[in-house]
């Protein structure tokens, strides 16, 4: 039979290897989640700005001027949100 202390040592080594592997996977998943979050924020801001411009153009019958203006406003807002969020994520790390 094997020594119980030997078994405990091997068990501790195996647990530490698994723990290190899980931490690596969580960091990669967290990175991908943050990347998708930044991309989604940018796209959503541009879409919202464009939709607002489209609706206002329909009401005021000024096509395509308000669509263009609000497209650029949405783009600017999206870029500012991405910069703010990226700075916050960098500060947290």
C-alpha atoms as a PDB file:
ATOM      1  CA  UNK A   1       0.000   0.000   0.000  1.00  0.00           C
ATOM      2  CA  UNK A   2       1.056   3.558  -0.533  1.00  0.00           C
ATOM      3  CA  UNK A   3       1.875   5.959   2.217  1.00  0.00           C
ATOM      4  CA  UNK A   4      -1.074   8.297   3.125  1.00  0.00           C
ATOM      5  CA  UNK A   5       1.312  11.271   3.317  1.00  0.00           C
ATOM      6  CA  UNK A   6       2.488  10.528  -0.223  1.00  0.00           C
ATOM      7  CA  UNK A   7      -1.115  10.477  -1.399  1.00  0.00           C
ATOM      8  CA  UNK A   8      -1.856  13.816   0.323  1.00  0.00           C
ATOM      9  CA  UNK A   9       1.181  15.405  -1.329  1.00  0.00           C
ATOM     10  CA  UNK A  10       0.177  14.177  -4.777  1.00  0.00           C
ATOM     11  CA  UNK A  11      -3.390  15.383  -4.164  1.00  0.00           C
ATOM     12  CA  UNK A  12      -2.167  18.881  -3.214  1.00  0.00           C
ATOM     13  CA  UNK A  13      -0.022  19.051  -6.352  1.00  0.00           C
ATOM     14  CA  UNK A  14      -2.922  17.969  -8.566  1.00  0.00           C
ATOM     15  CA  UNK A  15      -5.280  20.511  -6.953  1.00  0.00           C
ATOM     16  CA  UNK A  16      -2.794  23.344  -7.452  1.00  0.00           C
ATOM     17  CA  UNK A  17      -2.368  22.417 -11.139  1.00  0.00           C
ATOM     18  CA  UNK A  18      -6.130  22.421 -11.657  1.00  0.00           C
ATOM     19  CA  UNK A  19      -6.495  25.738  -9.803  1.00  0.00           C
ATOM     20  CA  UNK A  20      -3.815  27.386 -11.975  1.00  0.00           C
ATOM     21  CA  UNK A  21      -5.470  26.077 -15.130  1.00  0.00           C
ATOM     22  CA  UNK A  22      -8.905  27.377 -14.088  1.00  0.00           C
ATOM     23  CA  UNK A  23      -7.478  30.841 -13.289  1.00  0.00           C
ATOM     24  CA  UNK A  24      -5.913  31.014 -16.756  1.00  0.00           C
ATOM     25  CA  UNK A  25      -9.224  30.116 -18.412  1.00  0.00           C
ATOM     26  CA  UNK A  26     -11.087  32.747 -16.363  1.00  0.00           C
ATOM     27  CA  UNK A  27      -8.655  35.474 -17.432  1.00  0.00           C
ATOM     28  CA  UNK A  28      -9.105  34.571 -21.102  1.00  0.00           C
ATOM     29  CA  UNK A  29     -12.878  34.510 -20.737  1.00  0.00           C
ATOM     30  CA  UNK A  30     -12.836  37.819 -18.941  1.00  0.00           C
ATOM     31  CA  UNK A  31     -10.777  39.359 -21.741  1.00  0.00           C
ATOM     32  CA  UNK A  32     -13.199  38.126 -24.391  1.00  0.00           C
ATOM     33  CA  UNK A  33     -16.160  39.392 -22.377  1.00  0.00           C
ATOM     34  CA  UNK A  34     -14.609  42.841 -22.087  1.00  0.00           C
ATOM     35  CA  UNK A  35     -13.830  42.928 -25.811  1.00  0.00           C
ATOM     36  CA  UNK A  36     -17.434  42.054 -26.688  1.00  0.00           C
ATOM     37  CA  UNK A  37     -18.679  44.631 -24.188  1.00  0.00           C
ATOM     38  CA  UNK A  38     -16.629  47.422 -25.789  1.00  0.00           C
ATOM     39  CA  UNK A  39     -17.730  46.461 -29.285  1.00  0.00           C
ATOM     40  CA  UNK A  40     -21.355  46.260 -28.273  1.00  0.00           C
ATOM     41  CA  UNK A  41     -21.240  49.676 -26.597  1.00  0.00           C
ATOM     42  CA  UNK A  42     -19.866  51.291 -29.738  1.00  0.00           C
ATOM     43  CA  UNK A  43     -22.328  49.636 -32.102  1.00  0.00           C
ATOM     44  CA  UNK A  44     -25.304  50.330 -29.825  1.00  0.00           C
ATOM     45  CA  UNK A  45     -24.472  54.025 -29.526  1.00  0.00           C
ATOM     46  CA  UNK A  46     -24.187  54.412 -33.309  1.00  0.00           C
ATOM     47  CA  UNK A  47     -27.464  52.546 -33.870  1.00  0.00           C
ATOM     48  CA  UNK A  48     -29.345  54.574 -31.262  1.00  0.00           C
ATOM     49  CA  UNK A  49     -28.059  57.836 -32.713  1.00  0.00           C
ATOM     50  CA  UNK A  50     -29.013  56.810 -36.236  1.00  0.00           C
ATOM     51  CA  UNK A  51     -32.496  55.657 -35.192  1.00  0.00           C
ATOM     52  CA  UNK A  52     -33.117  58.920 -33.326  1.00  0.00           C
ATOM     53  CA  UNK A  53     -32.027  60.834 -36.415  1.00  0.00           C
ATOM     54  CA  UNK A  54     -34.308  58.754 -38.612  1.00  0.00           C
ATOM     55  CA  UNK A  55     -37.312  59.336 -36.355  1.00  0.00           C
ATOM     56  CA  UNK A  56     -36.686  63.077 -36.126  1.00  0.00           C
ATOM     57  CA  UNK A  57     -36.216  63.251 -39.911  1.00  0.00           C
ATOM     58  CA  UNK A  58     -39.595  61.599 -40.359  1.00  0.00           C
ATOM     59  CA  UNK A  59     -41.278  64.081 -38.011  1.00  0.00           C
ATOM     60  CA  UNK A  60     -39.642  67.235 -39.362  1.00  0.00           C
ATOM     61  CA  UNK A  61     -39.316  66.061 -42.978  1.00  0.00           C
ATOM     62  CA  UNK A  62     -35.643  67.066 -43.205  1.00  0.00           C
ATOM     63  CA  UNK A  63     -34.202  63.878 -44.718  1.00  0.00           C
ATOM     64  CA  UNK A  64     -31.196  63.056 -44.583  1.00  0.00           C
ATOM     65  CA  UNK A  65     -29.732  65.855 -42.450  1.00  0.00           C
ATOM     66  CA  UNK A  66     -30.767  64.722 -38.975  1.00  0.00           C
ATOM     67  CA  UNK A  67     -29.803  61.121 -39.730  1.00  0.00           C
ATOM     68  CA  UNK A  68     -26.296  62.278 -40.623  1.00  0.00           C
ATOM     69  CA  UNK A  69     -26.006  64.587 -37.606  1.00  0.00           C
ATOM     70  CA  UNK A  70     -27.235  61.996 -35.123  1.00  0.00           C
ATOM     71  CA  UNK A  71     -25.094  59.280 -36.729  1.00  0.00           C
ATOM     72  CA  UNK A  72     -22.000  61.335 -35.941  1.00  0.00           C
ATOM     73  CA  UNK A  73     -23.287  62.222 -32.468  1.00  0.00           C
ATOM     74  CA  UNK A  74     -23.898  58.518 -31.761  1.00  0.00           C
ATOM     75  CA  UNK A  75     -20.433  57.653 -33.047  1.00  0.00           C
ATOM     76  CA  UNK A  76     -18.840  60.278 -30.799  1.00  0.00           C
ATOM     77  CA  UNK A  77     -20.851  59.070 -27.798  1.00  0.00           C
ATOM     78  CA  UNK A  78     -19.881  55.458 -28.513  1.00  0.00           C
ATOM     79  CA  UNK A  79     -16.188  56.292 -28.770  1.00  0.00           C
ATOM     80  CA  UNK A  80     -16.315  58.262 -25.515  1.00  0.00           C
ATOM     81  CA  UNK A  81     -18.074  55.337 -23.784  1.00  0.00           C
ATOM     82  CA  UNK A  82     -15.460  52.893 -25.058  1.00  0.00           C
ATOM     83  CA  UNK A  83     -12.603  55.132 -23.882  1.00  0.00           C
ATOM     84  CA  UNK A  84     -14.228  55.599 -20.467  1.00  0.00           C
ATOM     85  CA  UNK A  85     -14.875  51.888 -20.031  1.00  0.00           C
ATOM     86  CA  UNK A  86     -11.381  50.912 -21.221  1.00  0.00           C
ATOM     87  CA  UNK A  87      -9.791  53.352 -18.771  1.00  0.00           C
ATOM     88  CA  UNK A  88     -11.934  51.948 -15.943  1.00  0.00           C
ATOM     89  CA  UNK A  89     -10.961  48.359 -16.849  1.00  0.00           C
ATOM     90  CA  UNK A  90      -7.292  49.330 -16.996  1.00  0.00           C
ATOM     91  CA  UNK A  91      -7.545  51.031 -13.604  1.00  0.00           C
ATOM     92  CA  UNK A  92      -9.192  47.932 -12.094  1.00  0.00           C
ATOM     93  CA  UNK A  93      -6.352  45.689 -13.286  1.00  0.00           C
END
